N, C-alpha and C. Protein backbone atom coordinates (compact mmCIF):
# COMPACT_ATOMS: atom_id res chain seq x y z
N UNK A 1 62.18 106.56 104.35
CA UNK A 1 61.80 106.28 102.99
C UNK A 1 60.85 105.08 102.98
N UNK A 2 60.02 105.03 101.99
CA UNK A 2 59.05 103.95 101.90
C UNK A 2 59.55 102.77 101.09
N UNK A 3 60.67 102.95 100.37
CA UNK A 3 61.23 101.85 99.57
C UNK A 3 62.74 102.05 99.45
N UNK A 4 63.43 100.98 99.05
CA UNK A 4 64.88 101.06 98.87
C UNK A 4 65.20 102.08 97.77
N UNK A 5 66.38 102.72 97.91
CA UNK A 5 66.78 103.75 96.96
C UNK A 5 68.22 103.48 96.52
N UNK A 6 68.48 103.61 95.22
CA UNK A 6 69.82 103.40 94.67
C UNK A 6 70.38 104.77 94.27
N UNK A 7 71.53 105.09 94.84
CA UNK A 7 72.17 106.38 94.60
C UNK A 7 73.38 106.19 93.70
N UNK A 8 73.42 106.92 92.60
CA UNK A 8 74.54 106.87 91.63
C UNK A 8 74.83 105.45 91.14
N UNK A 9 73.83 104.62 91.04
CA UNK A 9 73.95 103.25 90.53
C UNK A 9 74.95 102.39 91.29
N UNK A 10 75.35 102.80 92.50
CA UNK A 10 76.29 101.97 93.25
C UNK A 10 76.01 101.90 94.74
N UNK A 11 75.19 102.80 95.28
CA UNK A 11 74.90 102.78 96.71
C UNK A 11 73.42 102.47 96.92
N UNK A 12 73.14 101.44 97.69
CA UNK A 12 71.75 101.08 98.00
C UNK A 12 71.45 101.55 99.42
N UNK A 13 70.42 102.36 99.54
CA UNK A 13 69.96 102.84 100.85
C UNK A 13 68.68 102.10 101.16
N UNK A 14 68.70 101.23 102.18
CA UNK A 14 67.49 100.46 102.49
C UNK A 14 66.35 101.35 103.00
N UNK A 15 65.14 100.88 102.85
CA UNK A 15 63.98 101.70 103.18
C UNK A 15 63.93 102.11 104.65
N UNK A 16 64.46 101.32 105.54
CA UNK A 16 64.46 101.67 106.96
C UNK A 16 65.82 102.18 107.43
N UNK A 17 66.70 102.45 106.49
CA UNK A 17 68.05 102.90 106.85
C UNK A 17 68.12 104.39 107.10
N UNK A 18 69.24 104.81 107.63
CA UNK A 18 69.48 106.24 107.84
C UNK A 18 70.81 106.61 107.20
N UNK A 19 70.92 107.85 106.77
CA UNK A 19 72.12 108.34 106.12
C UNK A 19 72.70 109.46 106.97
N UNK A 20 73.97 109.34 107.31
CA UNK A 20 74.67 110.37 108.06
C UNK A 20 75.77 110.93 107.17
N UNK A 21 75.98 112.23 107.25
CA UNK A 21 77.06 112.85 106.49
C UNK A 21 77.72 113.91 107.33
N UNK A 22 78.94 114.22 107.01
CA UNK A 22 79.69 115.22 107.74
C UNK A 22 79.26 116.61 107.26
N UNK A 23 78.62 117.35 108.14
CA UNK A 23 78.18 118.70 107.79
C UNK A 23 79.38 119.58 107.47
N UNK A 24 80.50 119.34 108.13
CA UNK A 24 81.71 120.13 107.87
C UNK A 24 82.18 119.97 106.44
N UNK A 25 81.96 118.81 105.83
CA UNK A 25 82.38 118.61 104.44
C UNK A 25 81.68 119.58 103.50
N UNK A 26 80.47 120.00 103.84
CA UNK A 26 79.78 120.98 103.01
C UNK A 26 80.53 122.31 103.00
N UNK A 27 81.09 122.67 104.13
CA UNK A 27 81.83 123.92 104.24
C UNK A 27 83.24 123.85 103.67
N UNK A 28 83.70 122.64 103.32
CA UNK A 28 85.04 122.47 102.77
C UNK A 28 85.02 122.18 101.28
N UNK A 29 83.90 122.36 100.63
CA UNK A 29 83.76 122.02 99.21
C UNK A 29 84.40 123.10 98.34
N UNK A 30 85.46 122.77 97.57
CA UNK A 30 86.11 123.77 96.73
C UNK A 30 85.23 124.25 95.57
N UNK A 31 84.14 123.53 95.27
CA UNK A 31 83.21 123.99 94.24
C UNK A 31 82.38 125.17 94.75
N UNK A 32 82.24 125.26 96.08
CA UNK A 32 81.43 126.31 96.69
C UNK A 32 82.30 127.46 97.19
N UNK A 33 83.42 127.12 97.85
CA UNK A 33 84.30 128.12 98.46
C UNK A 33 85.65 128.12 97.76
N UNK A 34 86.16 129.30 97.46
CA UNK A 34 87.52 129.43 96.95
C UNK A 34 88.48 129.21 98.11
N UNK A 35 89.41 128.26 97.96
CA UNK A 35 90.36 127.89 99.00
C UNK A 35 89.63 127.67 100.33
N UNK A 36 88.80 126.62 100.43
CA UNK A 36 87.96 126.43 101.61
C UNK A 36 88.73 126.21 102.90
N UNK A 37 89.93 125.68 102.85
CA UNK A 37 90.68 125.42 104.08
C UNK A 37 91.55 126.60 104.47
N UNK A 38 91.61 127.63 103.65
CA UNK A 38 92.39 128.82 103.97
C UNK A 38 91.66 129.72 104.96
N UNK A 39 92.43 130.37 105.81
CA UNK A 39 91.83 131.30 106.79
C UNK A 39 91.58 132.64 106.08
N UNK A 40 90.34 132.89 105.72
CA UNK A 40 89.95 134.10 105.01
C UNK A 40 88.67 134.65 105.64
N UNK A 41 88.76 135.26 106.79
CA UNK A 41 87.53 135.75 107.43
C UNK A 41 86.82 136.83 106.62
N UNK A 42 87.52 137.48 105.71
CA UNK A 42 86.88 138.52 104.91
C UNK A 42 85.81 137.96 103.97
N UNK A 43 85.83 136.66 103.73
CA UNK A 43 84.80 136.08 102.85
C UNK A 43 83.41 136.17 103.47
N UNK A 44 83.32 136.41 104.78
CA UNK A 44 82.04 136.49 105.45
C UNK A 44 81.54 137.92 105.63
N UNK A 45 82.27 138.90 105.13
CA UNK A 45 81.83 140.29 105.21
C UNK A 45 80.76 140.54 104.15
N UNK A 46 79.82 141.39 104.45
CA UNK A 46 78.70 141.65 103.53
C UNK A 46 79.14 142.34 102.25
N UNK A 47 80.23 143.12 102.29
CA UNK A 47 80.63 143.83 101.09
C UNK A 47 81.56 143.01 100.21
N UNK A 48 81.81 141.75 100.56
CA UNK A 48 82.66 140.88 99.75
C UNK A 48 81.87 140.43 98.53
N UNK A 49 82.57 139.93 97.51
CA UNK A 49 81.88 139.56 96.27
C UNK A 49 80.95 138.36 96.45
N UNK A 50 81.17 137.53 97.47
CA UNK A 50 80.24 136.45 97.77
C UNK A 50 79.29 136.90 98.87
N UNK A 51 78.02 136.91 98.58
CA UNK A 51 77.04 137.29 99.59
C UNK A 51 76.84 136.09 100.51
N UNK A 52 77.09 136.26 101.78
CA UNK A 52 77.09 135.16 102.73
C UNK A 52 75.76 135.08 103.46
N UNK A 53 75.17 133.91 103.47
CA UNK A 53 73.89 133.68 104.13
C UNK A 53 74.05 132.51 105.09
N UNK A 54 74.06 132.78 106.39
CA UNK A 54 74.26 131.73 107.39
C UNK A 54 72.97 130.98 107.70
N UNK A 55 71.83 131.51 107.29
CA UNK A 55 70.55 130.87 107.60
C UNK A 55 70.15 129.80 106.59
N UNK A 56 70.76 129.79 105.43
CA UNK A 56 70.41 128.81 104.42
C UNK A 56 69.10 129.11 103.72
N UNK A 57 68.61 130.34 103.80
CA UNK A 57 67.33 130.67 103.16
C UNK A 57 67.47 130.84 101.65
N UNK A 58 68.64 131.23 101.16
CA UNK A 58 68.86 131.36 99.72
C UNK A 58 69.55 130.14 99.14
N UNK A 59 70.64 129.72 99.77
CA UNK A 59 71.35 128.52 99.37
C UNK A 59 72.14 128.02 100.57
N UNK A 60 72.48 126.77 100.58
CA UNK A 60 73.19 126.22 101.72
C UNK A 60 74.65 126.04 101.35
N UNK A 61 75.50 126.89 101.92
CA UNK A 61 76.95 126.75 101.76
C UNK A 61 77.55 126.15 103.02
N UNK A 62 76.95 126.40 104.14
CA UNK A 62 77.30 125.82 105.42
C UNK A 62 76.09 125.96 106.33
N UNK A 63 76.00 125.13 107.35
CA UNK A 63 74.81 125.18 108.19
C UNK A 63 75.16 124.98 109.65
N UNK A 64 75.79 125.96 110.27
CA UNK A 64 76.14 125.81 111.68
C UNK A 64 74.93 125.77 112.62
N UNK A 65 73.80 126.31 112.20
CA UNK A 65 72.59 126.32 113.02
C UNK A 65 71.46 125.54 112.36
N UNK A 66 71.78 124.69 111.42
CA UNK A 66 70.75 124.02 110.65
C UNK A 66 70.32 124.94 109.51
N UNK A 67 69.24 124.59 108.84
CA UNK A 67 68.79 125.41 107.72
C UNK A 67 67.31 125.21 107.49
N UNK A 68 66.73 126.15 106.79
CA UNK A 68 65.33 126.04 106.41
C UNK A 68 64.39 126.12 107.60
N UNK A 69 63.33 125.33 107.53
CA UNK A 69 62.31 125.36 108.58
C UNK A 69 62.81 124.80 109.91
N UNK A 70 63.88 124.03 109.88
CA UNK A 70 64.38 123.42 111.11
C UNK A 70 65.61 124.13 111.67
N UNK A 71 65.81 125.37 111.29
CA UNK A 71 66.94 126.12 111.81
C UNK A 71 66.78 126.32 113.32
N UNK A 72 67.87 126.40 114.03
CA UNK A 72 67.84 126.55 115.48
C UNK A 72 67.09 127.84 115.86
N UNK A 73 66.17 127.71 116.79
CA UNK A 73 65.39 128.87 117.23
C UNK A 73 66.25 129.88 117.97
N UNK A 74 67.36 129.44 118.54
CA UNK A 74 68.24 130.33 119.28
C UNK A 74 69.31 130.97 118.42
N UNK A 75 69.18 130.90 117.11
CA UNK A 75 70.17 131.45 116.18
C UNK A 75 70.48 132.92 116.46
N UNK A 76 69.47 133.75 116.59
CA UNK A 76 69.68 135.18 116.81
C UNK A 76 70.39 135.47 118.12
N UNK A 77 69.96 134.79 119.17
CA UNK A 77 70.58 134.96 120.47
C UNK A 77 72.02 134.45 120.46
N UNK A 78 72.26 133.33 119.79
CA UNK A 78 73.61 132.79 119.70
C UNK A 78 74.54 133.76 118.97
N UNK A 79 74.07 134.37 117.90
CA UNK A 79 74.90 135.33 117.16
C UNK A 79 75.21 136.55 118.02
N UNK A 80 74.25 137.00 118.79
CA UNK A 80 74.48 138.13 119.69
C UNK A 80 75.55 137.79 120.73
N UNK A 81 75.45 136.60 121.33
CA UNK A 81 76.43 136.19 122.32
C UNK A 81 77.81 135.98 121.71
N UNK A 82 77.86 135.46 120.48
CA UNK A 82 79.14 135.29 119.81
C UNK A 82 79.82 136.63 119.55
N UNK A 83 79.04 137.63 119.17
CA UNK A 83 79.61 138.96 118.94
C UNK A 83 80.19 139.53 120.23
N UNK A 84 79.46 139.39 121.33
CA UNK A 84 79.98 139.86 122.63
C UNK A 84 81.21 139.08 123.05
N UNK A 85 81.21 137.78 122.81
CA UNK A 85 82.33 136.93 123.18
C UNK A 85 83.60 137.35 122.43
N UNK A 86 83.49 137.52 121.12
CA UNK A 86 84.66 137.94 120.32
C UNK A 86 85.11 139.34 120.73
N UNK A 87 84.19 140.24 120.96
CA UNK A 87 84.55 141.60 121.38
C UNK A 87 85.32 141.57 122.70
N UNK A 88 84.89 140.74 123.63
CA UNK A 88 85.60 140.63 124.91
C UNK A 88 86.96 139.99 124.76
N UNK A 89 87.09 139.03 123.86
CA UNK A 89 88.41 138.44 123.60
C UNK A 89 89.38 139.50 123.08
N UNK A 90 88.92 140.28 122.13
CA UNK A 90 89.77 141.33 121.55
C UNK A 90 90.11 142.39 122.59
N UNK A 91 89.17 142.72 123.42
CA UNK A 91 89.35 143.79 124.41
C UNK A 91 90.26 143.37 125.58
N UNK A 92 90.12 142.12 126.05
CA UNK A 92 90.77 141.72 127.29
C UNK A 92 92.11 140.99 127.14
N UNK A 93 92.47 140.55 125.95
CA UNK A 93 93.68 139.77 125.80
C UNK A 93 94.70 140.46 124.92
N UNK A 94 95.96 140.18 125.18
CA UNK A 94 97.04 140.64 124.32
C UNK A 94 97.36 139.49 123.36
N UNK A 95 97.17 139.71 122.08
CA UNK A 95 97.32 138.65 121.08
C UNK A 95 98.72 138.68 120.49
N UNK A 96 99.32 137.49 120.32
CA UNK A 96 100.62 137.39 119.68
C UNK A 96 100.71 136.04 118.99
N UNK A 97 101.59 135.96 118.01
CA UNK A 97 101.77 134.71 117.27
C UNK A 97 102.53 133.70 118.12
N UNK A 98 102.25 132.42 117.90
CA UNK A 98 102.93 131.35 118.63
C UNK A 98 103.58 130.39 117.64
N UNK A 99 104.58 129.68 118.11
CA UNK A 99 105.22 128.65 117.29
C UNK A 99 104.45 127.34 117.44
N UNK A 100 104.56 126.50 116.43
CA UNK A 100 103.93 125.19 116.54
C UNK A 100 102.92 124.95 115.44
N UNK A 101 102.36 123.76 115.45
CA UNK A 101 101.40 123.33 114.44
C UNK A 101 99.98 123.69 114.89
N UNK A 102 99.35 124.59 114.15
CA UNK A 102 97.98 125.01 114.47
C UNK A 102 96.98 124.56 113.41
N UNK A 103 97.34 123.52 112.63
CA UNK A 103 96.45 123.08 111.57
C UNK A 103 95.21 122.40 112.17
N UNK A 104 94.13 122.52 111.45
CA UNK A 104 92.87 121.95 111.91
C UNK A 104 92.88 120.44 111.71
N UNK A 105 92.31 119.72 112.65
CA UNK A 105 92.25 118.27 112.57
C UNK A 105 90.78 117.85 112.56
N UNK A 106 90.45 116.96 111.62
CA UNK A 106 89.08 116.50 111.51
C UNK A 106 88.82 115.39 112.54
N UNK A 107 87.78 115.55 113.33
CA UNK A 107 87.39 114.54 114.31
C UNK A 107 85.88 114.37 114.25
N UNK A 108 85.41 113.28 114.75
CA UNK A 108 83.98 112.97 114.72
C UNK A 108 83.38 113.18 116.11
N UNK A 109 82.28 113.86 116.17
CA UNK A 109 81.56 113.99 117.44
C UNK A 109 80.09 113.72 117.19
N UNK A 110 79.50 113.03 118.10
CA UNK A 110 78.07 112.70 117.96
C UNK A 110 77.33 113.21 119.17
C-alpha cells in the first residue's frame, strides 16, 4: 500500500505492513456454509443446491489452490491425482469405524 489504512475505525495497517489471515477461516464461515464444521461431503456434488466452484472464478467460498489469476497452475493435475488417490484408498483398504476423538484441530503452518 502507498499509505496507512484504517480498517473498521479500529485497525491501522501501516503502509509497509503486511496482513496475514487464516485461509481455513474462509471455509468455516457459517454465513457461507450451512454447518461448516459438519462432515457433509454431499455439499460438493454438482447436483446439490449449492453450486460449488473450487477455482474461485464466480465467488470465493474456499481457496485450496488459490483463486483468480494467481490460481495454482497445477490445479487440474492435482485434481486428477486426488481422484486416483481416493479411488485407490477405496479399492485397496477395508474401512471400519474406530473409537476415539477424531475432531479436527486448528494448527498454524507457514
